[in-house]
Amino acid sequence: PVLTWTLMAVMAGVFAWMRYFPDAGAVDPWRFVFYPGD
């Protein structure tokens, strides 16, 4: 299940970015959260 493993790895990577390295990129990771109507 290569794609399943890939999805799991992406989720873990995104979580590590949000939790431990939020300033590592040029974009605030919280901008990717879905806020209905906003």
PDB file of all heavy atoms in Angstrom:
ATOM      1  N   PRO A   1       0.834  -1.222   0.000  1.00  0.00           N
ATOM      2  CA  PRO A   1       0.000   0.000   0.000  1.00  0.00           C
ATOM      3  C   PRO A   1       0.863   1.264   0.000  1.00  0.00           C
ATOM      4  O   PRO A   1       0.877   2.031   0.973  1.00  0.00           O
ATOM      5  CB  PRO A   1      -0.805  -0.153   1.290  1.00  0.00           C
ATOM      6  CG  PRO A   1       0.101  -0.907   2.206  1.00  0.00           C
ATOM      7  CD  PRO A   1       0.862  -1.873   1.325  1.00  0.00           C
ATOM      8  N   VAL A   2       1.554   1.489  -1.094  1.00  0.00           N
ATOM      9  CA  VAL A   2       2.523   2.589  -1.153  1.00  0.00           C
ATOM     10  C   VAL A   2       1.839   3.938  -0.948  1.00  0.00           C
ATOM     11  O   VAL A   2       2.350   4.809  -0.233  1.00  0.00           O
ATOM     12  CB  VAL A   2       3.283   2.557  -2.494  1.00  0.00           C
ATOM     13  CG1 VAL A   2       4.222   3.764  -2.611  1.00  0.00           C
ATOM     14  CG2 VAL A   2       4.076   1.259  -2.619  1.00  0.00           C
ATOM     15  N   LEU A   3       0.677   4.139  -1.569  1.00  0.00           N
ATOM     16  CA  LEU A   3       0.007   5.430  -1.443  1.00  0.00           C
ATOM     17  C   LEU A   3      -0.486   5.650  -0.013  1.00  0.00           C
ATOM     18  O   LEU A   3      -0.389   6.760   0.527  1.00  0.00           O
ATOM     19  CB  LEU A   3      -1.156   5.526  -2.425  1.00  0.00           C
ATOM     20  CG  LEU A   3      -1.893   6.873  -2.409  1.00  0.00           C
ATOM     21  CD1 LEU A   3      -0.934   8.031  -2.665  1.00  0.00           C
ATOM     22  CD2 LEU A   3      -3.023   6.893  -3.419  1.00  0.00           C
ATOM     23  N   THR A   4      -1.009   4.604   0.612  1.00  0.00           N
ATOM     24  CA  THR A   4      -1.437   4.741   2.012  1.00  0.00           C
ATOM     25  C   THR A   4      -0.267   5.164   2.887  1.00  0.00           C
ATOM     26  O   THR A   4      -0.390   6.074   3.721  1.00  0.00           O
ATOM     27  CB  THR A   4      -2.035   3.418   2.520  1.00  0.00           C
ATOM     28  OG1 THR A   4      -3.179   3.077   1.735  1.00  0.00           O
ATOM     29  CG2 THR A   4      -2.447   3.537   3.977  1.00  0.00           C
ATOM     30  N   TRP A   5       0.876   4.505   2.713  1.00  0.00           N
ATOM     31  CA  TRP A   5       2.060   4.871   3.491  1.00  0.00           C
ATOM     32  C   TRP A   5       2.485   6.308   3.189  1.00  0.00           C
ATOM     33  O   TRP A   5       2.903   7.038   4.082  1.00  0.00           O
ATOM     34  CB  TRP A   5       3.196   3.917   3.193  1.00  0.00           C
ATOM     35  CG  TRP A   5       2.948   2.520   3.653  1.00  0.00           C
ATOM     36  CD1 TRP A   5       2.022   2.091   4.565  1.00  0.00           C
ATOM     37  CD2 TRP A   5       3.622   1.340   3.207  1.00  0.00           C
ATOM     38  NE1 TRP A   5       2.073   0.732   4.726  1.00  0.00           N
ATOM     39  CE2 TRP A   5       3.049   0.239   3.909  1.00  0.00           C
ATOM     40  CE3 TRP A   5       4.643   1.094   2.294  1.00  0.00           C
ATOM     41  CZ2 TRP A   5       3.489  -1.071   3.711  1.00  0.00           C
ATOM     42  CZ3 TRP A   5       5.087  -0.210   2.109  1.00  0.00           C
ATOM     43  CH2 TRP A   5       4.518  -1.278   2.804  1.00  0.00           C
ATOM     44  N   THR A   6       2.374   6.698   1.917  1.00  0.00           N
ATOM     45  CA  THR A   6       2.759   8.060   1.539  1.00  0.00           C
ATOM     46  C   THR A   6       1.853   9.087   2.217  1.00  0.00           C
ATOM     47  O   THR A   6       2.325  10.114   2.728  1.00  0.00           O
ATOM     48  CB  THR A   6       2.707   8.226   0.017  1.00  0.00           C
ATOM     49  OG1 THR A   6       3.593   7.277  -0.599  1.00  0.00           O
ATOM     50  CG2 THR A   6       3.122   9.625  -0.397  1.00  0.00           C
ATOM     51  N   LEU A   7       0.545   8.844   2.207  1.00  0.00           N
ATOM     52  CA  LEU A   7      -0.393   9.752   2.869  1.00  0.00           C
ATOM     53  C   LEU A   7      -0.083   9.864   4.365  1.00  0.00           C
ATOM     54  O   LEU A   7      -0.107  10.965   4.936  1.00  0.00           O
ATOM     55  CB  LEU A   7      -1.824   9.267   2.666  1.00  0.00           C
ATOM     56  CG  LEU A   7      -2.380   9.356   1.237  1.00  0.00           C
ATOM     57  CD1 LEU A   7      -3.734   8.652   1.152  1.00  0.00           C
ATOM     58  CD2 LEU A   7      -2.506  10.810   0.797  1.00  0.00           C
ATOM     59  N   MET A   8       0.224   8.741   4.974  1.00  0.00           N
ATOM     60  CA  MET A   8       0.551   8.756   6.402  1.00  0.00           C
ATOM     61  C   MET A   8       1.825   9.561   6.650  1.00  0.00           C
ATOM     62  O   MET A   8       1.907  10.338   7.619  1.00  0.00           O
ATOM     63  CB  MET A   8       0.707   7.323   6.911  1.00  0.00           C
ATOM     64  CG  MET A   8      -0.586   6.516   6.879  1.00  0.00           C
ATOM     65  SD  MET A   8      -0.352   4.756   7.229  1.00  0.00           S
ATOM     66  CE  MET A   8       0.136   4.824   8.949  1.00  0.00           C
ATOM     67  N   ALA A   9       2.817   9.406   5.779  1.00  0.00           N
ATOM     68  CA  ALA A   9       4.067  10.148   5.939  1.00  0.00           C
ATOM     69  C   ALA A   9       3.852  11.645   5.752  1.00  0.00           C
ATOM     70  O   ALA A   9       4.428  12.468   6.485  1.00  0.00           O
ATOM     71  CB  ALA A   9       5.109   9.627   4.950  1.00  0.00           C
ATOM     72  N   VAL A  10       3.016  12.010   4.775  1.00  0.00           N
ATOM     73  CA  VAL A  10       2.739  13.435   4.541  1.00  0.00           C
ATOM     74  C   VAL A  10       2.050  14.036   5.763  1.00  0.00           C
ATOM     75  O   VAL A  10       2.388  15.143   6.213  1.00  0.00           O
ATOM     76  CB  VAL A  10       1.870  13.607   3.281  1.00  0.00           C
ATOM     77  CG1 VAL A  10       1.372  15.049   3.169  1.00  0.00           C
ATOM     78  CG2 VAL A  10       2.674  13.231   2.039  1.00  0.00           C
ATOM     79  N   MET A  11       1.074  13.323   6.321  1.00  0.00           N
ATOM     80  CA  MET A  11       0.385  13.833   7.511  1.00  0.00           C
ATOM     81  C   MET A  11       1.353  14.018   8.667  1.00  0.00           C
ATOM     82  O   MET A  11       1.296  15.039   9.377  1.00  0.00           O
ATOM     83  CB  MET A  11      -0.740  12.873   7.909  1.00  0.00           C
ATOM     84  CG  MET A  11      -1.887  12.804   6.938  1.00  0.00           C
ATOM     85  SD  MET A  11      -3.090  11.574   7.496  1.00  0.00           S
ATOM     86  CE  MET A  11      -3.987  11.299   5.963  1.00  0.00           C
ATOM     87  N   ALA A  12       2.209  13.026   8.872  1.00  0.00           N
ATOM     88  CA  ALA A  12       3.184  13.141   9.962  1.00  0.00           C
ATOM     89  C   ALA A  12       4.138  14.304   9.713  1.00  0.00           C
ATOM     90  O   ALA A  12       4.487  15.051  10.640  1.00  0.00           O
ATOM     91  CB  ALA A  12       3.954  11.826  10.107  1.00  0.00           C
ATOM     92  N   GLY A  13       4.568  14.486   8.469  1.00  0.00           N
ATOM     93  CA  GLY A  13       5.475  15.580   8.145  1.00  0.00           C
ATOM     94  C   GLY A  13       4.828  16.940   8.347  1.00  0.00           C
ATOM     95  O   GLY A  13       5.448  17.874   8.890  1.00  0.00           O
ATOM     96  N   VAL A  14       3.570  17.068   7.906  1.00  0.00           N
ATOM     97  CA  VAL A  14       2.859  18.343   8.075  1.00  0.00           C
ATOM     98  C   VAL A  14       2.659  18.639   9.558  1.00  0.00           C
ATOM     99  O   VAL A  14       2.806  19.786  10.015  1.00  0.00           O
ATOM    100  CB  VAL A  14       1.512  18.301   7.332  1.00  0.00           C
ATOM    101  CG1 VAL A  14       0.670  19.522   7.685  1.00  0.00           C
ATOM    102  CG2 VAL A  14       1.745  18.238   5.824  1.00  0.00           C
ATOM    103  N   PHE A  15       2.350  17.613  10.346  1.00  0.00           N
ATOM    104  CA  PHE A  15       2.165  17.819  11.777  1.00  0.00           C
ATOM    105  C   PHE A  15       3.473  18.282  12.430  1.00  0.00           C
ATOM    106  O   PHE A  15       3.464  19.185  13.286  1.00  0.00           O
ATOM    107  CB  PHE A  15       1.683  16.535  12.441  1.00  0.00           C
ATOM    108  CG  PHE A  15       1.556  16.636  13.931  1.00  0.00           C
ATOM    109  CD1 PHE A  15       0.511  17.344  14.495  1.00  0.00           C
ATOM    110  CD2 PHE A  15       2.492  16.043  14.769  1.00  0.00           C
ATOM    111  CE1 PHE A  15       0.386  17.452  15.879  1.00  0.00           C
ATOM    112  CE2 PHE A  15       2.380  16.153  16.139  1.00  0.00           C
ATOM    113  CZ  PHE A  15       1.324  16.852  16.704  1.00  0.00           C
ATOM    114  N   ALA A  16       4.593  17.657  12.045  1.00  0.00           N
ATOM    115  CA  ALA A  16       5.883  18.076  12.598  1.00  0.00           C
ATOM    116  C   ALA A  16       6.179  19.524  12.232  1.00  0.00           C
ATOM    117  O   ALA A  16       6.700  20.299  13.058  1.00  0.00           O
ATOM    118  CB  ALA A  16       6.986  17.152  12.082  1.00  0.00           C
ATOM    119  N   TRP A  17       5.829  19.900  11.006  1.00  0.00           N
ATOM    120  CA  TRP A  17       6.038  21.293  10.576  1.00  0.00           C
ATOM    121  C   TRP A  17       5.199  22.250  11.431  1.00  0.00           C
ATOM    122  O   TRP A  17       5.698  23.258  11.944  1.00  0.00           O
ATOM    123  CB  TRP A  17       5.672  21.411   9.099  1.00  0.00           C
ATOM    124  CG  TRP A  17       5.672  22.816   8.564  1.00  0.00           C
ATOM    125  CD1 TRP A  17       6.579  23.804   8.828  1.00  0.00           C
ATOM    126  CD2 TRP A  17       4.700  23.380   7.680  1.00  0.00           C
ATOM    127  NE1 TRP A  17       6.249  24.960   8.156  1.00  0.00           N
ATOM    128  CE2 TRP A  17       5.098  24.732   7.443  1.00  0.00           C
ATOM    129  CE3 TRP A  17       3.568  22.899   7.054  1.00  0.00           C
ATOM    130  CZ2 TRP A  17       4.381  25.575   6.607  1.00  0.00           C
ATOM    131  CZ3 TRP A  17       2.856  23.727   6.219  1.00  0.00           C
ATOM    132  CH2 TRP A  17       3.252  25.054   6.000  1.00  0.00           C
ATOM    133  N   MET A  18       3.916  21.916  11.597  1.00  0.00           N
ATOM    134  CA  MET A  18       3.043  22.786  12.379  1.00  0.00           C
ATOM    135  C   MET A  18       3.485  22.869  13.839  1.00  0.00           C
ATOM    136  O   MET A  18       3.483  23.947  14.446  1.00  0.00           O
ATOM    137  CB  MET A  18       1.600  22.259  12.337  1.00  0.00           C
ATOM    138  CG  MET A  18       0.901  22.371  11.015  1.00  0.00           C
ATOM    139  SD  MET A  18      -0.798  21.753  11.152  1.00  0.00           S
ATOM    140  CE  MET A  18      -1.481  22.893  12.351  1.00  0.00           C
ATOM    141  N   ARG A  19       3.868  21.722  14.391  1.00  0.00           N
ATOM    142  CA  ARG A  19       4.116  21.652  15.829  1.00  0.00           C
ATOM    143  C   ARG A  19       5.510  22.162  16.217  1.00  0.00           C
ATOM    144  O   ARG A  19       5.666  22.829  17.244  1.00  0.00           O
ATOM    145  CB  ARG A  19       3.945  20.191  16.278  1.00  0.00           C
ATOM    146  CG  ARG A  19       4.031  19.967  17.773  1.00  0.00           C
ATOM    147  CD  ARG A  19       2.813  20.546  18.481  1.00  0.00           C
ATOM    148  NE  ARG A  19       2.825  20.257  19.903  1.00  0.00           N
ATOM    149  CZ  ARG A  19       2.192  19.233  20.461  1.00  0.00           C
ATOM    150  NH1 ARG A  19       1.501  18.397  19.698  1.00  0.00           N
ATOM    151  NH2 ARG A  19       2.231  19.042  21.753  1.00  0.00           N
ATOM    152  N   TYR A  20       6.506  21.825  15.410  1.00  0.00           N
ATOM    153  CA  TYR A  20       7.875  22.081  15.837  1.00  0.00           C
ATOM    154  C   TYR A  20       8.631  23.094  14.975  1.00  0.00           C
ATOM    155  O   TYR A  20       9.610  23.675  15.425  1.00  0.00           O
ATOM    156  CB  TYR A  20       8.656  20.758  15.863  1.00  0.00           C
ATOM    157  CG  TYR A  20       8.032  19.739  16.780  1.00  0.00           C
ATOM    158  CD1 TYR A  20       7.387  18.615  16.270  1.00  0.00           C
ATOM    159  CD2 TYR A  20       8.076  19.907  18.157  1.00  0.00           C
ATOM    160  CE1 TYR A  20       6.808  17.676  17.104  1.00  0.00           C
ATOM    161  CE2 TYR A  20       7.497  18.975  19.005  1.00  0.00           C
ATOM    162  CZ  TYR A  20       6.870  17.860  18.477  1.00  0.00           C
ATOM    163  OH  TYR A  20       6.286  16.948  19.317  1.00  0.00           O
ATOM    164  N   PHE A  21       8.206  23.272  13.727  1.00  0.00           N
ATOM    165  CA  PHE A  21       8.936  24.193  12.842  1.00  0.00           C
ATOM    166  C   PHE A  21       7.989  25.149  12.120  1.00  0.00           C
ATOM    167  O   PHE A  21       8.046  25.297  10.900  1.00  0.00           O
ATOM    168  CB  PHE A  21       9.744  23.404  11.795  1.00  0.00           C
ATOM    169  CG  PHE A  21      10.564  22.289  12.383  1.00  0.00           C
ATOM    170  CD1 PHE A  21      10.140  20.970  12.280  1.00  0.00           C
ATOM    171  CD2 PHE A  21      11.745  22.557  13.043  1.00  0.00           C
ATOM    172  CE1 PHE A  21      10.888  19.938  12.820  1.00  0.00           C
ATOM    173  CE2 PHE A  21      12.507  21.533  13.587  1.00  0.00           C
ATOM    174  CZ  PHE A  21      12.073  20.216  13.475  1.00  0.00           C
ATOM    175  N   PRO A  22       7.094  25.811  12.828  1.00  0.00           N
ATOM    176  CA  PRO A  22       6.113  26.671  12.147  1.00  0.00           C
ATOM    177  C   PRO A  22       6.745  27.851  11.430  1.00  0.00           C
ATOM    178  O   PRO A  22       6.131  28.410  10.511  1.00  0.00           O
ATOM    179  CB  PRO A  22       5.207  27.137  13.296  1.00  0.00           C
ATOM    180  CG  PRO A  22       6.065  27.040  14.510  1.00  0.00           C
ATOM    181  CD  PRO A  22       6.937  25.845  14.288  1.00  0.00           C
ATOM    182  N   ASP A  23       7.954  28.246  11.846  1.00  0.00           N
ATOM    183  CA  ASP A  23       8.609  29.396  11.224  1.00  0.00           C
ATOM    184  C   ASP A  23       9.621  28.984  10.161  1.00  0.00           C
ATOM    185  O   ASP A  23      10.348  29.833   9.641  1.00  0.00           O
ATOM    186  CB  ASP A  23       9.321  30.236  12.299  1.00  0.00           C
ATOM    187  CG  ASP A  23       8.345  30.736  13.347  1.00  0.00           C
ATOM    188  OD1 ASP A  23       7.205  31.057  12.974  1.00  0.00           O
ATOM    189  OD2 ASP A  23       8.728  30.795  14.537  1.00  0.00           O
ATOM    190  N   ALA A  24       9.663  27.669   9.847  1.00  0.00           N
ATOM    191  CA  ALA A  24      10.684  27.193   8.900  1.00  0.00           C
ATOM    192  C   ALA A  24      10.383  27.630   7.476  1.00  0.00           C
ATOM    193  O   ALA A  24      11.296  27.760   6.656  1.00  0.00           O
ATOM    194  CB  ALA A  24      10.787  25.673   8.960  1.00  0.00           C
ATOM    195  N   GLY A  25       9.152  27.866   7.143  1.00  0.00           N
ATOM    196  CA  GLY A  25       8.796  28.266   5.787  1.00  0.00           C
ATOM    197  C   GLY A  25       8.345  29.710   5.733  1.00  0.00           C
ATOM    198  O   GLY A  25       8.234  30.406   6.745  1.00  0.00           O
ATOM    199  N   ALA A  26       8.063  30.129   4.510  1.00  0.00           N
ATOM    200  CA  ALA A  26       7.631  31.518   4.319  1.00  0.00           C
ATOM    201  C   ALA A  26       6.149  31.696   4.596  1.00  0.00           C
ATOM    202  O   ALA A  26       5.651  32.823   4.627  1.00  0.00           O
ATOM    203  CB  ALA A  26       7.950  31.963   2.895  1.00  0.00           C
ATOM    204  N   VAL A  27       5.412  30.579   4.793  1.00  0.00           N
ATOM    205  CA  VAL A  27       3.967  30.631   4.975  1.00  0.00           C
ATOM    206  C   VAL A  27       3.613  30.074   6.349  1.00  0.00           C
ATOM    207  O   VAL A  27       4.172  29.063   6.788  1.00  0.00           O
ATOM    208  CB  VAL A  27       3.248  29.820   3.873  1.00  0.00           C
ATOM    209  CG1 VAL A  27       1.734  29.902   4.047  1.00  0.00           C
ATOM    210  CG2 VAL A  27       3.655  30.310   2.488  1.00  0.00           C
ATOM    211  N   ASP A  28       2.714  30.728   7.025  1.00  0.00           N
ATOM    212  CA  ASP A  28       2.220  30.245   8.308  1.00  0.00           C
ATOM    213  C   ASP A  28       1.375  28.989   8.061  1.00  0.00           C
ATOM    214  O   ASP A  28       0.397  29.020   7.296  1.00  0.00           O
ATOM    215  CB  ASP A  28       1.356  31.327   8.961  1.00  0.00           C
ATOM    216  CG  ASP A  28       0.838  30.902  10.326  1.00  0.00           C
ATOM    217  OD1 ASP A  28       1.110  29.757  10.740  1.00  0.00           O
ATOM    218  OD2 ASP A  28       0.152  31.715  10.968  1.00  0.00           O
ATOM    219  N   PRO A  29       1.716  27.843   8.688  1.00  0.00           N
ATOM    220  CA  PRO A  29       0.958  26.603   8.417  1.00  0.00           C
ATOM    221  C   PRO A  29      -0.516  26.718   8.758  1.00  0.00           C
ATOM    222  O   PRO A  29      -1.349  26.025   8.167  1.00  0.00           O
ATOM    223  CB  PRO A  29       1.664  25.568   9.299  1.00  0.00           C
ATOM    224  CG  PRO A  29       2.418  26.351  10.315  1.00  0.00           C
ATOM    225  CD  PRO A  29       2.804  27.626   9.647  1.00  0.00           C
ATOM    226  N   TRP A  30      -0.885  27.606   9.684  1.00  0.00           N
ATOM    227  CA  TRP A  30      -2.288  27.720  10.057  1.00  0.00           C
ATOM    228  C   TRP A  30      -3.130  28.347   8.949  1.00  0.00           C
ATOM    229  O   TRP A  30      -4.364  28.310   9.023  1.00  0.00           O
ATOM    230  CB  TRP A  30      -2.411  28.525  11.346  1.00  0.00           C
ATOM    231  CG  TRP A  30      -1.929  27.727  12.526  1.00  0.00           C
ATOM    232  CD1 TRP A  30      -0.669  27.726  13.039  1.00  0.00           C
ATOM    233  CD2 TRP A  30      -2.686  26.789  13.284  1.00  0.00           C
ATOM    234  NE1 TRP A  30      -0.578  26.846  14.092  1.00  0.00           N
ATOM    235  CE2 TRP A  30      -1.817  26.244  14.267  1.00  0.00           C
ATOM    236  CE3 TRP A  30      -4.004  26.351  13.250  1.00  0.00           C
ATOM    237  CZ2 TRP A  30      -2.232  25.296  15.183  1.00  0.00           C
ATOM    238  CZ3 TRP A  30      -4.421  25.397  14.171  1.00  0.00           C
ATOM    239  CH2 TRP A  30      -3.540  24.883  15.128  1.00  0.00           C
ATOM    240  N   ARG A  31      -2.485  28.878   7.944  1.00  0.00           N
ATOM    241  CA  ARG A  31      -3.242  29.395   6.791  1.00  0.00           C
ATOM    242  C   ARG A  31      -3.887  28.272   5.984  1.00  0.00           C
ATOM    243  O   ARG A  31      -4.758  28.532   5.155  1.00  0.00           O
ATOM    244  CB  ARG A  31      -2.323  30.204   5.878  1.00  0.00           C
ATOM    245  CG  ARG A  31      -1.888  31.550   6.431  1.00  0.00           C
ATOM    246  CD  ARG A  31      -1.168  32.341   5.366  1.00  0.00           C
ATOM    247  NE  ARG A  31      -1.998  32.529   4.175  1.00  0.00           N
ATOM    248  CZ  ARG A  31      -1.553  33.024   3.031  1.00  0.00           C
ATOM    249  NH1 ARG A  31      -0.274  33.368   2.915  1.00  0.00           N
ATOM    250  NH2 ARG A  31      -2.356  33.173   1.998  1.00  0.00           N
ATOM    251  N   PHE A  32      -3.449  27.034   6.212  1.00  0.00           N
ATOM    252  CA  PHE A  32      -3.968  25.898   5.446  1.00  0.00           C
ATOM    253  C   PHE A  32      -5.154  25.230   6.138  1.00  0.00           C
ATOM    254  O   PHE A  32      -5.692  24.252   5.639  1.00  0.00           O
ATOM    255  CB  PHE A  32      -2.854  24.884   5.207  1.00  0.00           C
ATOM    256  CG  PHE A  32      -1.744  25.410   4.353  1.00  0.00           C
ATOM    257  CD1 PHE A  32      -0.608  25.965   4.931  1.00  0.00           C
ATOM    258  CD2 PHE A  32      -1.828  25.375   2.974  1.00  0.00           C
ATOM    259  CE1 PHE A  32       0.418  26.459   4.145  1.00  0.00           C
ATOM    260  CE2 PHE A  32      -0.807  25.863   2.174  1.00  0.00           C
ATOM    261  CZ  PHE A  32       0.313  26.416   2.764  1.00  0.00           C
ATOM    262  N   VAL A  33      -5.541  25.708   7.317  1.00  0.00           N
ATOM    263  CA  VAL A  33      -6.731  25.198   8.001  1.00  0.00           C
ATOM    264  C   VAL A  33      -7.974  25.721   7.287  1.00  0.00           C
ATOM    265  O   VAL A  33      -7.994  26.856   6.791  1.00  0.00           O
ATOM    266  CB  VAL A  33      -6.722  25.632   9.480  1.00  0.00           C
ATOM    267  CG1 VAL A  33      -8.004  25.176  10.174  1.00  0.00           C
ATOM    268  CG2 VAL A  33      -5.494  25.071  10.185  1.00  0.00           C
ATOM    269  N   PHE A  34      -9.022  24.913   7.233  1.00  0.00           N
ATOM    270  CA  PHE A  34     -10.264  25.310   6.560  1.00  0.00           C
ATOM    271  C   PHE A  34     -11.188  26.018   7.545  1.00  0.00           C
ATOM    272  O   PHE A  34     -11.666  25.425   8.521  1.00  0.00           O
ATOM    273  CB  PHE A  34     -10.971  24.084   5.983  1.00  0.00           C
ATOM    274  CG  PHE A  34     -12.297  24.389   5.337  1.00  0.00           C
ATOM    275  CD1 PHE A  34     -12.390  25.302   4.298  1.00  0.00           C
ATOM    276  CD2 PHE A  34     -13.455  23.761   5.781  1.00  0.00           C
ATOM    277  CE1 PHE A  34     -13.615  25.589   3.708  1.00  0.00           C
ATOM    278  CE2 PHE A  34     -14.682  24.035   5.188  1.00  0.00           C
ATOM    279  CZ  PHE A  34     -14.757  24.959   4.154  1.00  0.00           C
ATOM    280  N   TYR A  35     -11.428  27.314   7.293  1.00  0.00           N
ATOM    281  CA  TYR A  35     -12.391  28.101   8.062  1.00  0.00           C
ATOM    282  C   TYR A  35     -13.570  28.406   7.140  1.00  0.00           C
ATOM    283  O   TYR A  35     -13.418  29.162   6.180  1.00  0.00           O
ATOM    284  CB  TYR A  35     -11.759  29.401   8.558  1.00  0.00           C
ATOM    285  CG  TYR A  35     -10.662  29.190   9.567  1.00  0.00           C
ATOM    286  CD1 TYR A  35      -9.318  29.178   9.171  1.00  0.00           C
ATOM    287  CD2 TYR A  35     -10.959  28.994  10.909  1.00  0.00           C
ATOM    288  CE1 TYR A  35      -8.311  28.976  10.101  1.00  0.00           C
ATOM    289  CE2 TYR A  35      -9.955  28.793  11.841  1.00  0.00           C
ATOM    290  CZ  TYR A  35      -8.627  28.780  11.435  1.00  0.00           C
ATOM    291  OH  TYR A  35      -7.628  28.572  12.350  1.00  0.00           O
ATOM    292  N   PRO A  36     -14.704  27.819   7.375  1.00  0.00           N
ATOM    293  CA  PRO A  36     -15.849  28.002   6.476  1.00  0.00           C
ATOM    294  C   PRO A  36     -16.192  29.478   6.279  1.00  0.00           C
ATOM    295  O   PRO A  36     -16.360  30.230   7.239  1.00  0.00           O
ATOM    296  CB  PRO A  36     -16.981  27.270   7.209  1.00  0.00           C
ATOM    297  CG  PRO A  36     -16.286  26.282   8.087  1.00  0.00           C
ATOM    298  CD  PRO A  36     -15.017  26.928   8.506  1.00  0.00           C
ATOM    299  N   GLY A  37     -16.235  29.896   5.030  1.00  0.00           N
ATOM    300  CA  GLY A  37     -16.593  31.265   4.688  1.00  0.00           C
ATOM    301  C   GLY A  37     -15.484  32.263   4.886  1.00  0.00           C
ATOM    302  O   GLY A  37     -15.687  33.469   4.682  1.00  0.00           O
ATOM    303  N   ASP A  38     -14.299  31.791   5.264  1.00  0.00           N
ATOM    304  CA  ASP A  38     -13.189  32.716   5.515  1.00  0.00           C
ATOM    305  C   ASP A  38     -11.899  32.031   5.102  1.00  0.00           C
ATOM    306  O   ASP A  38     -11.501  31.023   5.671  1.00  0.00           O
ATOM    307  CB  ASP A  38     -13.143  33.103   6.992  1.00  0.00           C
ATOM    308  CG  ASP A  38     -12.046  34.132   7.267  1.00  0.00           C
ATOM    309  OD1 ASP A  38     -11.562  34.745   6.297  1.00  0.00           O
ATOM    310  OD2 ASP A  38     -11.686  34.301   8.439  1.00  0.00           O
TER     311      ASP A  38
END
